[in-house]
Amino acid sequence: MPADSVFDPNHRLLLYYKGDISALTLFAQQANGSVCFPEPLPALSSALENGEPESAKVAPHPAMLLNRISQLLDLEDGMLRIETGFSEPVDTPNGVITVHMARFMVLDPPHKLMQSRGCRLRTLPELRGRPPAEMELLRRAYVKVMES
């Protein structure tokens, strides 16, 4: 999914679905394999440890990113909701990127919808083999989802 000039290149979004009854947890994956939206993390990225310093810049609210991703994927308003308390810094060759997370607010997994957008919903084991930074982000996201 190509980014555009409105997109802040220092932020990404993980999209996930969690079943309220079954606790089935699925993460959205783009056709290029990345779980980061709207574009993959740069090569040689690595997740920073909690407590490592982040960029001191003023950052846009993640709701702006959520709105942009919703527009790019042509999703209905309110289909995604920002997961508060998840903001993970990733060190890249171009500086720190902050990754946020948003939940699909639907009863059933939106498999067909996401497939029509060139994406798939995958379980954590199905995502094995992603770059180390993405795997660490997915691990942290899964912990956050299971704790909430």
N, C-alpha and C. Protein backbone atom coordinates (compact mmCIF):
# COMPACT_ATOMS: atom_id res chain seq x y z
N MET A 1 0.86 -1.17 0.00
CA MET A 1 0.00 0.00 0.00
C MET A 1 0.90 1.22 0.00
N PRO A 2 0.88 2.01 -1.05
CA PRO A 2 1.77 3.17 -1.12
C PRO A 2 1.33 4.27 -0.17
N ALA A 3 2.29 4.87 0.47
CA ALA A 3 2.00 6.01 1.34
C ALA A 3 1.90 7.26 0.46
N ASP A 4 1.38 8.30 1.02
CA ASP A 4 1.31 9.55 0.27
C ASP A 4 1.86 10.67 1.12
N SER A 5 1.82 11.89 0.58
CA SER A 5 2.45 13.02 1.25
C SER A 5 1.78 13.39 2.57
N VAL A 6 0.54 12.93 2.80
CA VAL A 6 -0.16 13.25 4.05
C VAL A 6 0.33 12.35 5.19
N PHE A 7 0.90 11.22 4.85
CA PHE A 7 1.34 10.25 5.84
C PHE A 7 2.63 10.70 6.52
N ASP A 8 2.66 10.60 7.84
CA ASP A 8 3.86 10.90 8.61
C ASP A 8 4.77 9.68 8.57
N PRO A 9 5.93 9.76 7.95
CA PRO A 9 6.79 8.59 7.78
C PRO A 9 7.41 8.06 9.08
N ASN A 10 7.22 8.78 10.19
CA ASN A 10 7.78 8.33 11.47
C ASN A 10 6.78 7.55 12.31
N HIS A 11 5.67 7.14 11.70
CA HIS A 11 4.64 6.39 12.43
C HIS A 11 4.09 5.27 11.57
N ARG A 12 3.76 4.16 12.23
CA ARG A 12 3.14 3.01 11.57
C ARG A 12 2.00 2.52 12.47
N LEU A 13 1.19 1.63 11.90
CA LEU A 13 0.04 1.10 12.62
C LEU A 13 -0.04 -0.40 12.40
N LEU A 14 -0.21 -1.16 13.48
CA LEU A 14 -0.54 -2.58 13.42
C LEU A 14 -2.06 -2.67 13.52
N LEU A 15 -2.68 -3.51 12.70
CA LEU A 15 -4.12 -3.71 12.75
C LEU A 15 -4.39 -5.13 13.24
N TYR A 16 -5.33 -5.26 14.18
CA TYR A 16 -5.63 -6.59 14.68
C TYR A 16 -7.12 -6.77 14.93
N TYR A 17 -7.51 -8.04 14.95
CA TYR A 17 -8.87 -8.44 15.30
C TYR A 17 -8.77 -9.37 16.50
N LYS A 18 -9.67 -9.19 17.47
CA LYS A 18 -9.73 -10.11 18.61
C LYS A 18 -11.18 -10.46 18.85
N GLY A 19 -11.45 -11.75 18.84
CA GLY A 19 -12.80 -12.23 19.12
C GLY A 19 -13.12 -12.05 20.59
N ASP A 20 -14.26 -11.46 20.90
CA ASP A 20 -14.63 -11.21 22.29
C ASP A 20 -14.91 -12.51 23.05
N ILE A 21 -15.43 -13.51 22.38
CA ILE A 21 -15.77 -14.76 23.05
C ILE A 21 -14.61 -15.76 22.98
N SER A 22 -14.07 -15.94 21.79
CA SER A 22 -13.05 -16.97 21.59
C SER A 22 -11.63 -16.49 21.90
N ALA A 23 -11.41 -15.19 21.94
CA ALA A 23 -10.08 -14.59 22.11
C ALA A 23 -9.17 -14.87 20.91
N LEU A 24 -9.76 -15.31 19.77
CA LEU A 24 -8.99 -15.47 18.55
C LEU A 24 -8.37 -14.11 18.21
N THR A 25 -7.06 -14.11 17.99
CA THR A 25 -6.36 -12.87 17.68
C THR A 25 -5.69 -13.01 16.33
N LEU A 26 -6.00 -12.07 15.44
CA LEU A 26 -5.47 -12.05 14.08
C LEU A 26 -4.85 -10.69 13.79
N PHE A 27 -3.75 -10.69 13.06
CA PHE A 27 -3.10 -9.46 12.66
C PHE A 27 -3.20 -9.30 11.15
N ALA A 28 -3.42 -8.06 10.70
CA ALA A 28 -3.50 -7.78 9.27
C ALA A 28 -2.10 -7.78 8.67
N GLN A 29 -2.00 -8.40 7.49
CA GLN A 29 -0.73 -8.47 6.78
C GLN A 29 -0.96 -7.99 5.34
N GLN A 30 -0.12 -7.09 4.90
CA GLN A 30 -0.22 -6.57 3.54
C GLN A 30 0.28 -7.60 2.53
N ALA A 31 -0.02 -7.38 1.26
CA ALA A 31 0.44 -8.27 0.19
C ALA A 31 1.96 -8.35 0.15
N ASN A 32 2.65 -7.28 0.56
CA ASN A 32 4.12 -7.29 0.57
C ASN A 32 4.68 -8.05 1.76
N GLY A 33 3.80 -8.56 2.64
CA GLY A 33 4.22 -9.35 3.79
C GLY A 33 4.28 -8.58 5.09
N SER A 34 4.37 -7.28 5.03
CA SER A 34 4.52 -6.47 6.23
C SER A 34 3.22 -6.41 7.04
N VAL A 35 3.37 -6.31 8.35
CA VAL A 35 2.22 -6.10 9.24
C VAL A 35 2.11 -4.63 9.64
N CYS A 36 3.01 -3.80 9.14
CA CYS A 36 2.98 -2.37 9.43
C CYS A 36 2.26 -1.64 8.30
N PHE A 37 1.38 -0.72 8.69
CA PHE A 37 0.62 0.07 7.71
C PHE A 37 0.98 1.53 7.87
N PRO A 38 1.06 2.29 6.83
CA PRO A 38 0.75 1.94 5.46
C PRO A 38 1.92 1.34 4.70
N GLU A 39 3.11 1.32 5.29
CA GLU A 39 4.25 0.74 4.59
C GLU A 39 5.15 0.02 5.58
N PRO A 40 5.97 -0.91 5.07
CA PRO A 40 6.85 -1.69 5.96
C PRO A 40 7.88 -0.81 6.67
N LEU A 41 8.43 -1.35 7.73
CA LEU A 41 9.56 -0.70 8.37
C LEU A 41 10.77 -0.80 7.45
N PRO A 42 11.68 0.16 7.51
CA PRO A 42 12.89 0.06 6.68
C PRO A 42 13.74 -1.16 7.08
N ALA A 43 14.54 -1.63 6.14
CA ALA A 43 15.48 -2.71 6.43
C ALA A 43 16.39 -2.28 7.57
N LEU A 44 16.86 -3.23 8.34
CA LEU A 44 17.77 -3.01 9.47
C LEU A 44 17.10 -2.33 10.66
N SER A 45 15.79 -2.36 10.73
CA SER A 45 15.07 -1.78 11.89
C SER A 45 15.16 -2.74 13.07
N SER A 46 15.09 -2.18 14.27
CA SER A 46 15.06 -3.01 15.47
C SER A 46 14.22 -2.32 16.53
N ALA A 47 13.40 -3.12 17.21
CA ALA A 47 12.55 -2.58 18.28
C ALA A 47 13.42 -2.13 19.43
N LEU A 48 13.14 -0.94 19.95
CA LEU A 48 13.88 -0.43 21.11
C LEU A 48 13.31 -1.04 22.38
N GLU A 49 14.14 -1.19 23.36
CA GLU A 49 13.69 -1.70 24.65
C GLU A 49 12.89 -0.63 25.37
N ASN A 50 11.98 -1.05 26.22
CA ASN A 50 11.21 -0.09 27.02
C ASN A 50 12.19 0.76 27.81
N GLY A 51 11.94 2.06 27.82
CA GLY A 51 12.79 2.97 28.57
C GLY A 51 13.90 3.59 27.74
N GLU A 52 14.15 3.05 26.53
CA GLU A 52 15.14 3.68 25.68
C GLU A 52 14.58 5.00 25.17
N PRO A 53 15.41 6.01 25.02
CA PRO A 53 14.90 7.32 24.62
C PRO A 53 14.30 7.30 23.22
N GLU A 54 13.20 8.03 23.10
CA GLU A 54 12.55 8.22 21.80
C GLU A 54 12.91 9.60 21.30
N SER A 55 12.52 9.86 20.10
CA SER A 55 12.71 11.19 19.52
C SER A 55 11.95 12.21 20.36
N ALA A 56 12.51 13.38 20.54
CA ALA A 56 11.88 14.41 21.37
C ALA A 56 10.91 15.28 20.56
N LYS A 57 10.69 14.94 19.31
CA LYS A 57 9.81 15.74 18.46
C LYS A 57 8.36 15.67 18.94
N VAL A 58 7.60 16.69 18.61
CA VAL A 58 6.17 16.68 18.84
C VAL A 58 5.58 15.71 17.83
N ALA A 59 4.74 14.79 18.28
CA ALA A 59 4.19 13.77 17.39
C ALA A 59 2.70 13.98 17.19
N PRO A 60 2.21 13.63 16.00
CA PRO A 60 0.76 13.72 15.77
C PRO A 60 0.04 12.65 16.58
N HIS A 61 -1.22 12.91 16.89
CA HIS A 61 -2.02 11.93 17.61
C HIS A 61 -2.23 10.72 16.71
N PRO A 62 -2.17 9.49 17.25
CA PRO A 62 -2.35 8.30 16.41
C PRO A 62 -3.70 8.25 15.70
N ALA A 63 -4.70 9.00 16.17
CA ALA A 63 -6.00 9.01 15.49
C ALA A 63 -5.87 9.57 14.08
N MET A 64 -4.91 10.46 13.85
CA MET A 64 -4.69 10.98 12.50
C MET A 64 -4.21 9.86 11.58
N LEU A 65 -3.31 9.03 12.07
CA LEU A 65 -2.82 7.89 11.31
C LEU A 65 -3.96 6.89 11.07
N LEU A 66 -4.74 6.65 12.10
CA LEU A 66 -5.87 5.73 11.98
C LEU A 66 -6.84 6.20 10.89
N ASN A 67 -7.15 7.48 10.88
CA ASN A 67 -8.05 8.03 9.86
C ASN A 67 -7.47 7.86 8.46
N ARG A 68 -6.16 8.08 8.34
CA ARG A 68 -5.51 7.95 7.02
C ARG A 68 -5.52 6.50 6.55
N ILE A 69 -5.23 5.57 7.44
CA ILE A 69 -5.24 4.14 7.08
C ILE A 69 -6.65 3.72 6.70
N SER A 70 -7.64 4.18 7.45
CA SER A 70 -9.05 3.86 7.14
C SER A 70 -9.41 4.36 5.75
N GLN A 71 -8.93 5.55 5.39
CA GLN A 71 -9.18 6.09 4.04
C GLN A 71 -8.48 5.26 2.98
N LEU A 72 -7.22 4.93 3.21
CA LEU A 72 -6.45 4.16 2.23
C LEU A 72 -7.06 2.78 2.00
N LEU A 73 -7.58 2.16 3.06
CA LEU A 73 -8.19 0.83 2.95
C LEU A 73 -9.68 0.90 2.63
N ASP A 74 -10.21 2.13 2.55
CA ASP A 74 -11.63 2.34 2.27
C ASP A 74 -12.50 1.59 3.29
N LEU A 75 -12.22 1.84 4.58
CA LEU A 75 -12.98 1.21 5.67
C LEU A 75 -14.04 2.17 6.18
N GLU A 76 -15.12 1.62 6.68
CA GLU A 76 -16.18 2.44 7.25
C GLU A 76 -15.68 3.15 8.50
N ASP A 77 -16.23 4.34 8.75
CA ASP A 77 -15.88 5.07 9.97
C ASP A 77 -16.20 4.21 11.19
N GLY A 78 -15.31 4.20 12.15
CA GLY A 78 -15.54 3.46 13.38
C GLY A 78 -15.18 1.99 13.32
N MET A 79 -14.72 1.51 12.15
CA MET A 79 -14.36 0.10 12.05
C MET A 79 -13.07 -0.21 12.80
N LEU A 80 -12.20 0.78 12.92
CA LEU A 80 -10.95 0.63 13.66
C LEU A 80 -10.95 1.57 14.86
N ARG A 81 -10.33 1.11 15.96
CA ARG A 81 -10.18 1.95 17.14
C ARG A 81 -8.74 1.84 17.64
N ILE A 82 -8.14 2.97 17.94
CA ILE A 82 -6.77 2.98 18.47
C ILE A 82 -6.73 2.23 19.80
N GLU A 83 -5.72 1.40 19.96
CA GLU A 83 -5.48 0.67 21.21
C GLU A 83 -4.61 1.57 22.08
N THR A 84 -5.22 2.16 23.09
CA THR A 84 -4.45 3.05 23.96
C THR A 84 -3.42 2.25 24.74
N GLY A 85 -2.33 2.88 25.03
CA GLY A 85 -1.28 2.23 25.81
C GLY A 85 -0.32 1.41 24.99
N PHE A 86 -0.46 1.42 23.67
CA PHE A 86 0.50 0.71 22.81
C PHE A 86 1.15 1.73 21.90
N SER A 87 2.40 2.01 22.16
CA SER A 87 3.19 2.95 21.37
C SER A 87 4.63 2.48 21.49
N GLU A 88 5.09 1.76 20.48
CA GLU A 88 6.40 1.12 20.55
C GLU A 88 7.40 1.78 19.62
N PRO A 89 8.54 2.20 20.16
CA PRO A 89 9.57 2.82 19.33
C PRO A 89 10.42 1.78 18.60
N VAL A 90 10.73 2.07 17.35
CA VAL A 90 11.58 1.20 16.54
C VAL A 90 12.72 2.04 15.99
N ASP A 91 13.94 1.56 16.18
CA ASP A 91 15.11 2.24 15.67
C ASP A 91 15.30 1.84 14.21
N THR A 92 15.44 2.83 13.33
CA THR A 92 15.66 2.56 11.91
C THR A 92 16.86 3.37 11.43
N PRO A 93 17.39 3.05 10.26
CA PRO A 93 18.50 3.85 9.73
C PRO A 93 18.13 5.32 9.53
N ASN A 94 16.82 5.62 9.42
CA ASN A 94 16.37 7.00 9.21
C ASN A 94 15.87 7.68 10.48
N GLY A 95 16.06 7.04 11.62
CA GLY A 95 15.58 7.60 12.88
C GLY A 95 14.50 6.71 13.51
N VAL A 96 13.94 7.17 14.62
CA VAL A 96 12.97 6.39 15.36
C VAL A 96 11.58 6.49 14.71
N ILE A 97 10.94 5.34 14.55
CA ILE A 97 9.56 5.24 14.08
C ILE A 97 8.74 4.72 15.24
N THR A 98 7.58 5.31 15.47
CA THR A 98 6.68 4.86 16.53
C THR A 98 5.56 4.03 15.91
N VAL A 99 5.35 2.85 16.48
CA VAL A 99 4.31 1.95 15.98
C VAL A 99 3.16 1.92 16.97
N HIS A 100 1.96 2.18 16.46
CA HIS A 100 0.73 2.16 17.25
C HIS A 100 -0.08 0.94 16.82
N MET A 101 -1.20 0.71 17.49
CA MET A 101 -2.02 -0.44 17.18
C MET A 101 -3.49 -0.04 17.17
N ALA A 102 -4.25 -0.66 16.25
CA ALA A 102 -5.69 -0.40 16.17
C ALA A 102 -6.43 -1.73 16.04
N ARG A 103 -7.61 -1.77 16.67
CA ARG A 103 -8.43 -2.99 16.69
C ARG A 103 -9.63 -2.85 15.75
N PHE A 104 -9.90 -3.93 15.01
CA PHE A 104 -11.12 -3.99 14.22
C PHE A 104 -12.29 -4.14 15.19
N MET A 105 -13.26 -3.25 15.09
CA MET A 105 -14.42 -3.25 15.99
C MET A 105 -15.61 -3.91 15.30
N VAL A 106 -15.45 -5.18 14.96
CA VAL A 106 -16.48 -5.96 14.29
C VAL A 106 -16.65 -7.28 15.02
N LEU A 107 -17.82 -7.89 14.86
CA LEU A 107 -18.13 -9.15 15.54
C LEU A 107 -17.31 -10.31 15.00
N ASP A 108 -17.24 -10.42 13.67
CA ASP A 108 -16.52 -11.52 13.02
C ASP A 108 -15.27 -11.00 12.32
N PRO A 109 -14.25 -11.85 12.17
CA PRO A 109 -13.04 -11.41 11.48
C PRO A 109 -13.37 -10.93 10.06
N PRO A 110 -12.88 -9.77 9.65
CA PRO A 110 -13.19 -9.24 8.32
C PRO A 110 -12.28 -9.82 7.22
N HIS A 111 -12.26 -11.15 7.11
CA HIS A 111 -11.38 -11.81 6.14
C HIS A 111 -11.64 -11.34 4.70
N LYS A 112 -12.88 -11.42 4.25
CA LYS A 112 -13.20 -11.06 2.86
C LYS A 112 -12.90 -9.59 2.59
N LEU A 113 -13.24 -8.74 3.51
CA LEU A 113 -12.98 -7.31 3.35
C LEU A 113 -11.49 -7.06 3.17
N MET A 114 -10.69 -7.63 4.04
CA MET A 114 -9.24 -7.40 3.95
C MET A 114 -8.65 -8.03 2.70
N GLN A 115 -9.15 -9.20 2.30
CA GLN A 115 -8.67 -9.81 1.05
C GLN A 115 -8.97 -8.91 -0.13
N SER A 116 -10.13 -8.25 -0.12
CA SER A 116 -10.49 -7.35 -1.22
C SER A 116 -9.58 -6.12 -1.23
N ARG A 117 -8.87 -5.88 -0.15
CA ARG A 117 -7.92 -4.75 -0.06
C ARG A 117 -6.48 -5.20 -0.25
N GLY A 118 -6.29 -6.46 -0.65
CA GLY A 118 -4.95 -6.98 -0.87
C GLY A 118 -4.23 -7.36 0.41
N CYS A 119 -4.97 -7.60 1.47
CA CYS A 119 -4.39 -7.95 2.77
C CYS A 119 -4.99 -9.27 3.26
N ARG A 120 -4.38 -9.82 4.28
CA ARG A 120 -4.91 -11.04 4.91
C ARG A 120 -4.84 -10.89 6.42
N LEU A 121 -5.70 -11.61 7.11
CA LEU A 121 -5.65 -11.67 8.57
C LEU A 121 -4.97 -12.98 8.94
N ARG A 122 -3.95 -12.89 9.77
CA ARG A 122 -3.13 -14.05 10.12
C ARG A 122 -2.99 -14.20 11.63
N THR A 123 -2.85 -15.46 12.06
CA THR A 123 -2.53 -15.72 13.46
C THR A 123 -1.04 -15.45 13.67
N LEU A 124 -0.65 -15.33 14.90
CA LEU A 124 0.77 -15.09 15.20
C LEU A 124 1.67 -16.19 14.63
N PRO A 125 1.33 -17.49 14.81
CA PRO A 125 2.20 -18.52 14.22
C PRO A 125 2.32 -18.43 12.70
N GLU A 126 1.27 -17.98 12.02
CA GLU A 126 1.32 -17.85 10.56
C GLU A 126 2.25 -16.71 10.12
N LEU A 127 2.59 -15.83 11.03
CA LEU A 127 3.44 -14.68 10.71
C LEU A 127 4.91 -14.93 11.00
N ARG A 128 5.23 -16.14 11.47
CA ARG A 128 6.65 -16.47 11.71
C ARG A 128 7.47 -16.23 10.46
N GLY A 129 8.67 -15.77 10.65
CA GLY A 129 9.54 -15.52 9.52
C GLY A 129 9.59 -14.07 9.08
N ARG A 130 8.78 -13.22 9.70
CA ARG A 130 8.83 -11.79 9.42
C ARG A 130 10.17 -11.26 9.96
N PRO A 131 10.59 -10.07 9.54
CA PRO A 131 11.84 -9.50 10.07
C PRO A 131 11.79 -9.40 11.60
N PRO A 132 12.95 -9.47 12.24
CA PRO A 132 12.99 -9.45 13.71
C PRO A 132 12.25 -8.28 14.35
N ALA A 133 12.34 -7.09 13.79
CA ALA A 133 11.65 -5.93 14.39
C ALA A 133 10.14 -6.16 14.38
N GLU A 134 9.61 -6.67 13.28
CA GLU A 134 8.17 -6.92 13.20
C GLU A 134 7.77 -8.04 14.16
N MET A 135 8.57 -9.07 14.27
CA MET A 135 8.25 -10.17 15.20
C MET A 135 8.21 -9.67 16.65
N GLU A 136 9.14 -8.81 17.01
CA GLU A 136 9.15 -8.26 18.36
C GLU A 136 7.93 -7.37 18.58
N LEU A 137 7.57 -6.57 17.59
CA LEU A 137 6.35 -5.75 17.70
C LEU A 137 5.12 -6.63 17.86
N LEU A 138 5.04 -7.69 17.08
CA LEU A 138 3.89 -8.60 17.18
C LEU A 138 3.84 -9.26 18.56
N ARG A 139 5.00 -9.63 19.09
CA ARG A 139 5.05 -10.24 20.43
C ARG A 139 4.52 -9.25 21.46
N ARG A 140 4.99 -8.01 21.41
CA ARG A 140 4.54 -6.99 22.35
C ARG A 140 3.05 -6.70 22.18
N ALA A 141 2.60 -6.67 20.92
CA ALA A 141 1.18 -6.42 20.64
C ALA A 141 0.33 -7.55 21.21
N TYR A 142 0.77 -8.77 21.03
CA TYR A 142 0.01 -9.93 21.52
C TYR A 142 -0.10 -9.88 23.04
N VAL A 143 0.99 -9.55 23.72
CA VAL A 143 0.97 -9.42 25.18
C VAL A 143 -0.04 -8.35 25.58
N LYS A 144 -0.02 -7.22 24.91
CA LYS A 144 -0.94 -6.13 25.21
C LYS A 144 -2.40 -6.58 25.01
N VAL A 145 -2.67 -7.26 23.91
CA VAL A 145 -4.02 -7.73 23.60
C VAL A 145 -4.51 -8.72 24.65
N MET A 146 -3.65 -9.64 25.05
CA MET A 146 -4.05 -10.67 26.02
C MET A 146 -4.23 -10.09 27.42
N GLU A 147 -3.53 -9.00 27.73
CA GLU A 147 -3.67 -8.37 29.04
C GLU A 147 -4.91 -7.51 29.13
N SER A 148 -5.47 -7.09 27.99
CA SER A 148 -6.62 -6.19 28.02
C SER A 148 -7.94 -6.92 28.04
